[in-house]
Amino acid sequence: MVETMKLKASQLRDMTDDELMQKTNTLKKELFDLRHQSKMGRVDKPHRIRGARKEIARIETVLTERRGRQKQ
């Protein structure tokens, strides 16, 4: 299990699209594993589920902002 640290939006904006997509994929895999563990009743840190969801949302927001700027 990968322990992820919370990144601020400003830090995410400094990353490239490829880095953000890679980070999103990693977080989605971690979220899947955490949900599976949760269903089995043996998740060590249940707060990480919420944290992973929020981190994915932050990344998706930054990517959406970039796509919006490209269209203008």
PDB file of N, CA and C in Angstrom:
ATOM      1  N   MET A   1       0.838  -1.173   0.000  1.00  0.00           N
ATOM      2  CA  MET A   1       0.000   0.000   0.000  1.00  0.00           C
ATOM      3  C   MET A   1       0.885   1.238   0.000  1.00  0.00           C
ATOM      4  N   VAL A   2       0.590   2.155  -0.833  1.00  0.00           N
ATOM      5  CA  VAL A   2       1.374   3.370  -0.964  1.00  0.00           C
ATOM      6  C   VAL A   2       0.801   4.429  -0.031  1.00  0.00           C
ATOM      7  N   GLU A   3       1.639   4.969   0.808  1.00  0.00           N
ATOM      8  CA  GLU A   3       1.234   6.064   1.685  1.00  0.00           C
ATOM      9  C   GLU A   3       1.399   7.359   0.900  1.00  0.00           C
ATOM     10  N   THR A   4       0.285   8.027   0.623  1.00  0.00           N
ATOM     11  CA  THR A   4       0.343   9.251  -0.156  1.00  0.00           C
ATOM     12  C   THR A   4       0.263  10.447   0.759  1.00  0.00           C
ATOM     13  N   MET A   5       0.944  11.502   0.352  1.00  0.00           N
ATOM     14  CA  MET A   5       0.858  12.718   1.124  1.00  0.00           C
ATOM     15  C   MET A   5      -0.056  13.696   0.406  1.00  0.00           C
ATOM     16  N   LYS A   6      -0.699  14.528   1.172  1.00  0.00           N
ATOM     17  CA  LYS A   6      -1.639  15.486   0.616  1.00  0.00           C
ATOM     18  C   LYS A   6      -0.865  16.587  -0.102  1.00  0.00           C
ATOM     19  N   LEU A   7      -1.216  16.795  -1.358  1.00  0.00           N
ATOM     20  CA  LEU A   7      -0.593  17.843  -2.140  1.00  0.00           C
ATOM     21  C   LEU A   7      -1.555  19.019  -2.256  1.00  0.00           C
ATOM     22  N   LYS A   8      -1.007  20.202  -2.171  1.00  0.00           N
ATOM     23  CA  LYS A   8      -1.828  21.397  -2.333  1.00  0.00           C
ATOM     24  C   LYS A   8      -2.089  21.612  -3.818  1.00  0.00           C
ATOM     25  N   ALA A   9      -3.147  22.364  -4.109  1.00  0.00           N
ATOM     26  CA  ALA A   9      -3.497  22.630  -5.497  1.00  0.00           C
ATOM     27  C   ALA A   9      -2.359  23.340  -6.217  1.00  0.00           C
ATOM     28  N   SER A  10      -1.659  24.226  -5.533  1.00  0.00           N
ATOM     29  CA  SER A  10      -0.536  24.932  -6.175  1.00  0.00           C
ATOM     30  C   SER A  10       0.574  23.958  -6.560  1.00  0.00           C
ATOM     31  N   GLN A  11       0.795  22.945  -5.733  1.00  0.00           N
ATOM     32  CA  GLN A  11       1.804  21.932  -6.064  1.00  0.00           C
ATOM     33  C   GLN A  11       1.346  21.093  -7.251  1.00  0.00           C
ATOM     34  N   LEU A  12       0.053  20.804  -7.301  1.00  0.00           N
ATOM     35  CA  LEU A  12      -0.484  20.020  -8.413  1.00  0.00           C
ATOM     36  C   LEU A  12      -0.395  20.798  -9.724  1.00  0.00           C
ATOM     37  N   ARG A  13      -0.605  22.105  -9.660  1.00  0.00           N
ATOM     38  CA  ARG A  13      -0.544  22.927 -10.869  1.00  0.00           C
ATOM     39  C   ARG A  13       0.875  22.978 -11.446  1.00  0.00           C
ATOM     40  N   ASP A  14       1.867  22.742 -10.618  1.00  0.00           N
ATOM     41  CA  ASP A  14       3.258  22.729 -11.081  1.00  0.00           C
ATOM     42  C   ASP A  14       3.626  21.426 -11.785  1.00  0.00           C
ATOM     43  N   MET A  15       2.790  20.404 -11.649  1.00  0.00           N
ATOM     44  CA  MET A  15       3.066  19.108 -12.255  1.00  0.00           C
ATOM     45  C   MET A  15       2.555  19.089 -13.694  1.00  0.00           C
ATOM     46  N   THR A  16       3.136  18.202 -14.504  1.00  0.00           N
ATOM     47  CA  THR A  16       2.680  18.053 -15.888  1.00  0.00           C
ATOM     48  C   THR A  16       1.421  17.201 -15.924  1.00  0.00           C
ATOM     49  N   ASP A  17       0.739  17.220 -17.065  1.00  0.00           N
ATOM     50  CA  ASP A  17      -0.470  16.414 -17.226  1.00  0.00           C
ATOM     51  C   ASP A  17      -0.170  14.923 -17.054  1.00  0.00           C
ATOM     52  N   ASP A  18       0.954  14.488 -17.595  1.00  0.00           N
ATOM     53  CA  ASP A  18       1.323  13.072 -17.482  1.00  0.00           C
ATOM     54  C   ASP A  18       1.553  12.674 -16.018  1.00  0.00           C
ATOM     55  N   GLU A  19       2.219  13.541 -15.277  1.00  0.00           N
ATOM     56  CA  GLU A  19       2.454  13.266 -13.854  1.00  0.00           C
ATOM     57  C   GLU A  19       1.131  13.210 -13.093  1.00  0.00           C
ATOM     58  N   LEU A  20       0.223  14.110 -13.432  1.00  0.00           N
ATOM     59  CA  LEU A  20      -1.079  14.130 -12.764  1.00  0.00           C
ATOM     60  C   LEU A  20      -1.883  12.877 -13.087  1.00  0.00           C
ATOM     61  N   MET A  21      -1.838  12.448 -14.335  1.00  0.00           N
ATOM     62  CA  MET A  21      -2.565  11.236 -14.715  1.00  0.00           C
ATOM     63  C   MET A  21      -1.976  10.009 -14.021  1.00  0.00           C
ATOM     64  N   GLN A  22      -0.659   9.968 -13.925  1.00  0.00           N
ATOM     65  CA  GLN A  22      -0.005   8.854 -13.239  1.00  0.00           C
ATOM     66  C   GLN A  22      -0.394   8.845 -11.761  1.00  0.00           C
ATOM     67  N   LYS A  23      -0.403  10.011 -11.142  1.00  0.00           N
ATOM     68  CA  LYS A  23      -0.786  10.132  -9.736  1.00  0.00           C
ATOM     69  C   LYS A  23      -2.244   9.704  -9.536  1.00  0.00           C
ATOM     70  N   THR A  24      -3.117  10.111 -10.467  1.00  0.00           N
ATOM     71  CA  THR A  24      -4.527   9.732 -10.392  1.00  0.00           C
ATOM     72  C   THR A  24      -4.678   8.218 -10.478  1.00  0.00           C
ATOM     73  N   ASN A  25      -3.975   7.602 -11.404  1.00  0.00           N
ATOM     74  CA  ASN A  25      -4.059   6.144 -11.551  1.00  0.00           C
ATOM     75  C   ASN A  25      -3.588   5.436 -10.282  1.00  0.00           C
ATOM     76  N   THR A  26      -2.502   5.923  -9.700  1.00  0.00           N
ATOM     77  CA  THR A  26      -1.985   5.337  -8.464  1.00  0.00           C
ATOM     78  C   THR A  26      -3.008   5.464  -7.337  1.00  0.00           C
ATOM     79  N   LEU A  27      -3.608   6.637  -7.227  1.00  0.00           N
ATOM     80  CA  LEU A  27      -4.598   6.862  -6.172  1.00  0.00           C
ATOM     81  C   LEU A  27      -5.856   6.019  -6.383  1.00  0.00           C
ATOM     82  N   LYS A  28      -6.255   5.848  -7.633  1.00  0.00           N
ATOM     83  CA  LYS A  28      -7.441   5.024  -7.918  1.00  0.00           C
ATOM     84  C   LYS A  28      -7.188   3.559  -7.551  1.00  0.00           C
ATOM     85  N   LYS A  29      -5.981   3.076  -7.821  1.00  0.00           N
ATOM     86  CA  LYS A  29      -5.639   1.707  -7.433  1.00  0.00           C
ATOM     87  C   LYS A  29      -5.627   1.568  -5.914  1.00  0.00           C
ATOM     88  N   GLU A  30      -5.068   2.576  -5.244  1.00  0.00           N
ATOM     89  CA  GLU A  30      -5.046   2.550  -3.785  1.00  0.00           C
ATOM     90  C   GLU A  30      -6.465   2.594  -3.227  1.00  0.00           C
ATOM     91  N   LEU A  31      -7.318   3.426  -3.807  1.00  0.00           N
ATOM     92  CA  LEU A  31      -8.700   3.533  -3.363  1.00  0.00           C
ATOM     93  C   LEU A  31      -9.431   2.209  -3.544  1.00  0.00           C
ATOM     94  N   PHE A  32      -9.191   1.549  -4.663  1.00  0.00           N
ATOM     95  CA  PHE A  32      -9.790   0.244  -4.903  1.00  0.00           C
ATOM     96  C   PHE A  32      -9.377  -0.754  -3.822  1.00  0.00           C
ATOM     97  N   ASP A  33      -8.078  -0.776  -3.526  1.00  0.00           N
ATOM     98  CA  ASP A  33      -7.573  -1.690  -2.502  1.00  0.00           C
ATOM     99  C   ASP A  33      -8.161  -1.366  -1.128  1.00  0.00           C
ATOM    100  N   LEU A  34      -8.253  -0.079  -0.816  1.00  0.00           N
ATOM    101  CA  LEU A  34      -8.812   0.324   0.479  1.00  0.00           C
ATOM    102  C   LEU A  34     -10.278  -0.055   0.597  1.00  0.00           C
ATOM    103  N   ARG A  35     -11.023   0.131  -0.482  1.00  0.00           N
ATOM    104  CA  ARG A  35     -12.442  -0.253  -0.460  1.00  0.00           C
ATOM    105  C   ARG A  35     -12.591  -1.761  -0.296  1.00  0.00           C
ATOM    106  N   HIS A  36     -11.728  -2.500  -0.965  1.00  0.00           N
ATOM    107  CA  HIS A  36     -11.766  -3.962  -0.843  1.00  0.00           C
ATOM    108  C   HIS A  36     -11.476  -4.368   0.600  1.00  0.00           C
ATOM    109  N   GLN A  37     -10.444  -3.777   1.184  1.00  0.00           N
ATOM    110  CA  GLN A  37     -10.113  -4.074   2.581  1.00  0.00           C
ATOM    111  C   GLN A  37     -11.254  -3.683   3.507  1.00  0.00           C
ATOM    112  N   SER A  38     -11.917  -2.585   3.198  1.00  0.00           N
ATOM    113  CA  SER A  38     -13.028  -2.118   4.020  1.00  0.00           C
ATOM    114  C   SER A  38     -14.167  -3.123   4.012  1.00  0.00           C
ATOM    115  N   LYS A  39     -14.457  -3.661   2.849  1.00  0.00           N
ATOM    116  CA  LYS A  39     -15.523  -4.661   2.739  1.00  0.00           C
ATOM    117  C   LYS A  39     -15.160  -5.942   3.490  1.00  0.00           C
ATOM    118  N   MET A  40     -13.877  -6.237   3.534  1.00  0.00           N
ATOM    119  CA  MET A  40     -13.430  -7.431   4.242  1.00  0.00           C
ATOM    120  C   MET A  40     -13.331  -7.169   5.746  1.00  0.00           C
ATOM    121  N   GLY A  41     -13.432  -5.894   6.128  1.00  0.00           N
ATOM    122  CA  GLY A  41     -13.411  -5.546   7.539  1.00  0.00           C
ATOM    123  C   GLY A  41     -12.023  -5.459   8.145  1.00  0.00           C
ATOM    124  N   ARG A  42     -11.023  -5.212   7.352  1.00  0.00           N
ATOM    125  CA  ARG A  42      -9.667  -5.171   7.905  1.00  0.00           C
ATOM    126  C   ARG A  42      -8.837  -4.010   7.384  1.00  0.00           C
ATOM    127  N   VAL A  43      -9.474  -2.863   7.192  1.00  0.00           N
ATOM    128  CA  VAL A  43      -8.728  -1.691   6.763  1.00  0.00           C
ATOM    129  C   VAL A  43      -8.074  -1.066   8.001  1.00  0.00           C
ATOM    130  N   ASP A  44      -6.766  -0.795   7.898  1.00  0.00           N
ATOM    131  CA  ASP A  44      -6.015  -0.264   9.033  1.00  0.00           C
ATOM    132  C   ASP A  44      -6.330   1.204   9.279  1.00  0.00           C
ATOM    133  N   LYS A  45      -6.414   1.969   8.214  1.00  0.00           N
ATOM    134  CA  LYS A  45      -6.620   3.410   8.340  1.00  0.00           C
ATOM    135  C   LYS A  45      -7.805   3.835   7.466  1.00  0.00           C
ATOM    136  N   PRO A  46      -9.011   3.766   7.997  1.00  0.00           N
ATOM    137  CA  PRO A  46     -10.191   4.072   7.185  1.00  0.00           C
ATOM    138  C   PRO A  46     -10.242   5.516   6.693  1.00  0.00           C
ATOM    139  N   HIS A  47      -9.556   6.428   7.366  1.00  0.00           N
ATOM    140  CA  HIS A  47      -9.552   7.820   6.930  1.00  0.00           C
ATOM    141  C   HIS A  47      -8.836   8.003   5.586  1.00  0.00           C
ATOM    142  N   ARG A  48      -8.014   7.048   5.199  1.00  0.00           N
ATOM    143  CA  ARG A  48      -7.297   7.153   3.929  1.00  0.00           C
ATOM    144  C   ARG A  48      -8.233   7.020   2.733  1.00  0.00           C
ATOM    145  N   ILE A  49      -9.394   6.363   2.914  1.00  0.00           N
ATOM    146  CA  ILE A  49     -10.366   6.252   1.819  1.00  0.00           C
ATOM    147  C   ILE A  49     -10.841   7.650   1.434  1.00  0.00           C
ATOM    148  N   ARG A  50     -11.240   8.412   2.427  1.00  0.00           N
ATOM    149  CA  ARG A  50     -11.717   9.769   2.180  1.00  0.00           C
ATOM    150  C   ARG A  50     -10.593  10.646   1.622  1.00  0.00           C
ATOM    151  N   GLY A  51      -9.402  10.503   2.166  1.00  0.00           N
ATOM    152  CA  GLY A  51      -8.268  11.291   1.704  1.00  0.00           C
ATOM    153  C   GLY A  51      -7.933  11.005   0.243  1.00  0.00           C
ATOM    154  N   ALA A  52      -7.992   9.743  -0.143  1.00  0.00           N
ATOM    155  CA  ALA A  52      -7.693   9.373  -1.530  1.00  0.00           C
ATOM    156  C   ALA A  52      -8.734   9.964  -2.480  1.00  0.00           C
ATOM    157  N   ARG A  53     -10.014   9.910  -2.070  1.00  0.00           N
ATOM    158  CA  ARG A  53     -11.074  10.489  -2.897  1.00  0.00           C
ATOM    159  C   ARG A  53     -10.870  11.988  -3.083  1.00  0.00           C
ATOM    160  N   LYS A  54     -10.512  12.665  -2.019  1.00  0.00           N
ATOM    161  CA  LYS A  54     -10.305  14.115  -2.098  1.00  0.00           C
ATOM    162  C   LYS A  54      -9.094  14.461  -2.964  1.00  0.00           C
ATOM    163  N   GLU A  55      -8.050  13.681  -2.841  1.00  0.00           N
ATOM    164  CA  GLU A  55      -6.846  13.925  -3.629  1.00  0.00           C
ATOM    165  C   GLU A  55      -7.133  13.726  -5.127  1.00  0.00           C
ATOM    166  N   ILE A  56      -7.901  12.687  -5.458  1.00  0.00           N
ATOM    167  CA  ILE A  56      -8.293  12.450  -6.850  1.00  0.00           C
ATOM    168  C   ILE A  56      -9.109  13.640  -7.354  1.00  0.00           C
ATOM    169  N   ALA A  57     -10.011  14.134  -6.529  1.00  0.00           N
ATOM    170  CA  ALA A  57     -10.843  15.279  -6.914  1.00  0.00           C
ATOM    171  C   ALA A  57      -9.990  16.523  -7.150  1.00  0.00           C
ATOM    172  N   ARG A  58      -8.986  16.744  -6.314  1.00  0.00           N
ATOM    173  CA  ARG A  58      -8.087  17.891  -6.502  1.00  0.00           C
ATOM    174  C   ARG A  58      -7.376  17.805  -7.849  1.00  0.00           C
ATOM    175  N   ILE A  59      -6.878  16.626  -8.164  1.00  0.00           N
ATOM    176  CA  ILE A  59      -6.152  16.430  -9.420  1.00  0.00           C
ATOM    177  C   ILE A  59      -7.088  16.631 -10.611  1.00  0.00           C
ATOM    178  N   GLU A  60      -8.280  16.056 -10.536  1.00  0.00           N
ATOM    179  CA  GLU A  60      -9.249  16.200 -11.621  1.00  0.00           C
ATOM    180  C   GLU A  60      -9.636  17.661 -11.819  1.00  0.00           C
ATOM    181  N   THR A  61      -9.725  18.416 -10.737  1.00  0.00           N
ATOM    182  CA  THR A  61     -10.048  19.843 -10.826  1.00  0.00           C
ATOM    183  C   THR A  61      -8.959  20.598 -11.579  1.00  0.00           C
ATOM    184  N   VAL A  62      -7.707  20.316 -11.249  1.00  0.00           N
ATOM    185  CA  VAL A  62      -6.589  20.981 -11.926  1.00  0.00           C
ATOM    186  C   VAL A  62      -6.590  20.624 -13.416  1.00  0.00           C
ATOM    187  N   LEU A  63      -6.827  19.363 -13.738  1.00  0.00           N
ATOM    188  CA  LEU A  63      -6.857  18.949 -15.145  1.00  0.00           C
ATOM    189  C   LEU A  63      -8.006  19.623 -15.889  1.00  0.00           C
ATOM    190  N   THR A  64      -9.163  19.748 -15.248  1.00  0.00           N
ATOM    191  CA  THR A  64     -10.317  20.404 -15.865  1.00  0.00           C
ATOM    192  C   THR A  64     -10.035  21.886 -16.091  1.00  0.00           C
ATOM    193  N   GLU A  65      -9.371  22.528 -15.132  1.00  0.00           N
ATOM    194  CA  GLU A  65      -8.994  23.935 -15.298  1.00  0.00           C
ATOM    195  C   GLU A  65      -8.101  24.106 -16.521  1.00  0.00           C
ATOM    196  N   ARG A  66      -7.162  23.204 -16.687  1.00  0.00           N
ATOM    197  CA  ARG A  66      -6.243  23.296 -17.823  1.00  0.00           C
ATOM    198  C   ARG A  66      -6.977  23.099 -19.136  1.00  0.00           C
ATOM    199  N   ARG A  67      -7.898  22.158 -19.160  1.00  0.00           N
ATOM    200  CA  ARG A  67      -8.660  21.922 -20.402  1.00  0.00           C
ATOM    201  C   ARG A  67      -9.529  23.124 -20.742  1.00  0.00           C
ATOM    202  N   GLY A  68     -10.060  23.782 -19.725  1.00  0.00           N
ATOM    203  CA  GLY A  68     -10.868  24.977 -19.936  1.00  0.00           C
ATOM    204  C   GLY A  68     -10.056  26.114 -20.505  1.00  0.00           C
ATOM    205  N   ARG A  69      -8.829  26.266 -20.040  1.00  0.00           N
ATOM    206  CA  ARG A  69      -7.950  27.314 -20.569  1.00  0.00           C
ATOM    207  C   ARG A  69      -7.537  27.040 -22.001  1.00  0.00           C
ATOM    208  N   GLN A  70      -7.390  25.767 -22.351  1.00  0.00           N
ATOM    209  CA  GLN A  70      -6.971  25.418 -23.712  1.00  0.00           C
ATOM    210  C   GLN A  70      -8.068  25.729 -24.712  1.00  0.00           C
ATOM    211  N   LYS A  71      -9.320  25.624 -24.307  1.00  0.00           N
ATOM    212  CA  LYS A  71     -10.440  25.869 -25.224  1.00  0.00           C
ATOM    213  C   LYS A  71     -10.611  27.353 -25.519  1.00  0.00           C
ATOM    214  N   GLN A  72     -10.159  28.202 -24.609  1.00  0.00           N
ATOM    215  CA  GLN A  72     -10.357  29.653 -24.801  1.00  0.00           C
ATOM    216  C   GLN A  72      -9.408  30.223 -25.788  1.00  0.00           C
TER     217      GLN A  72
END
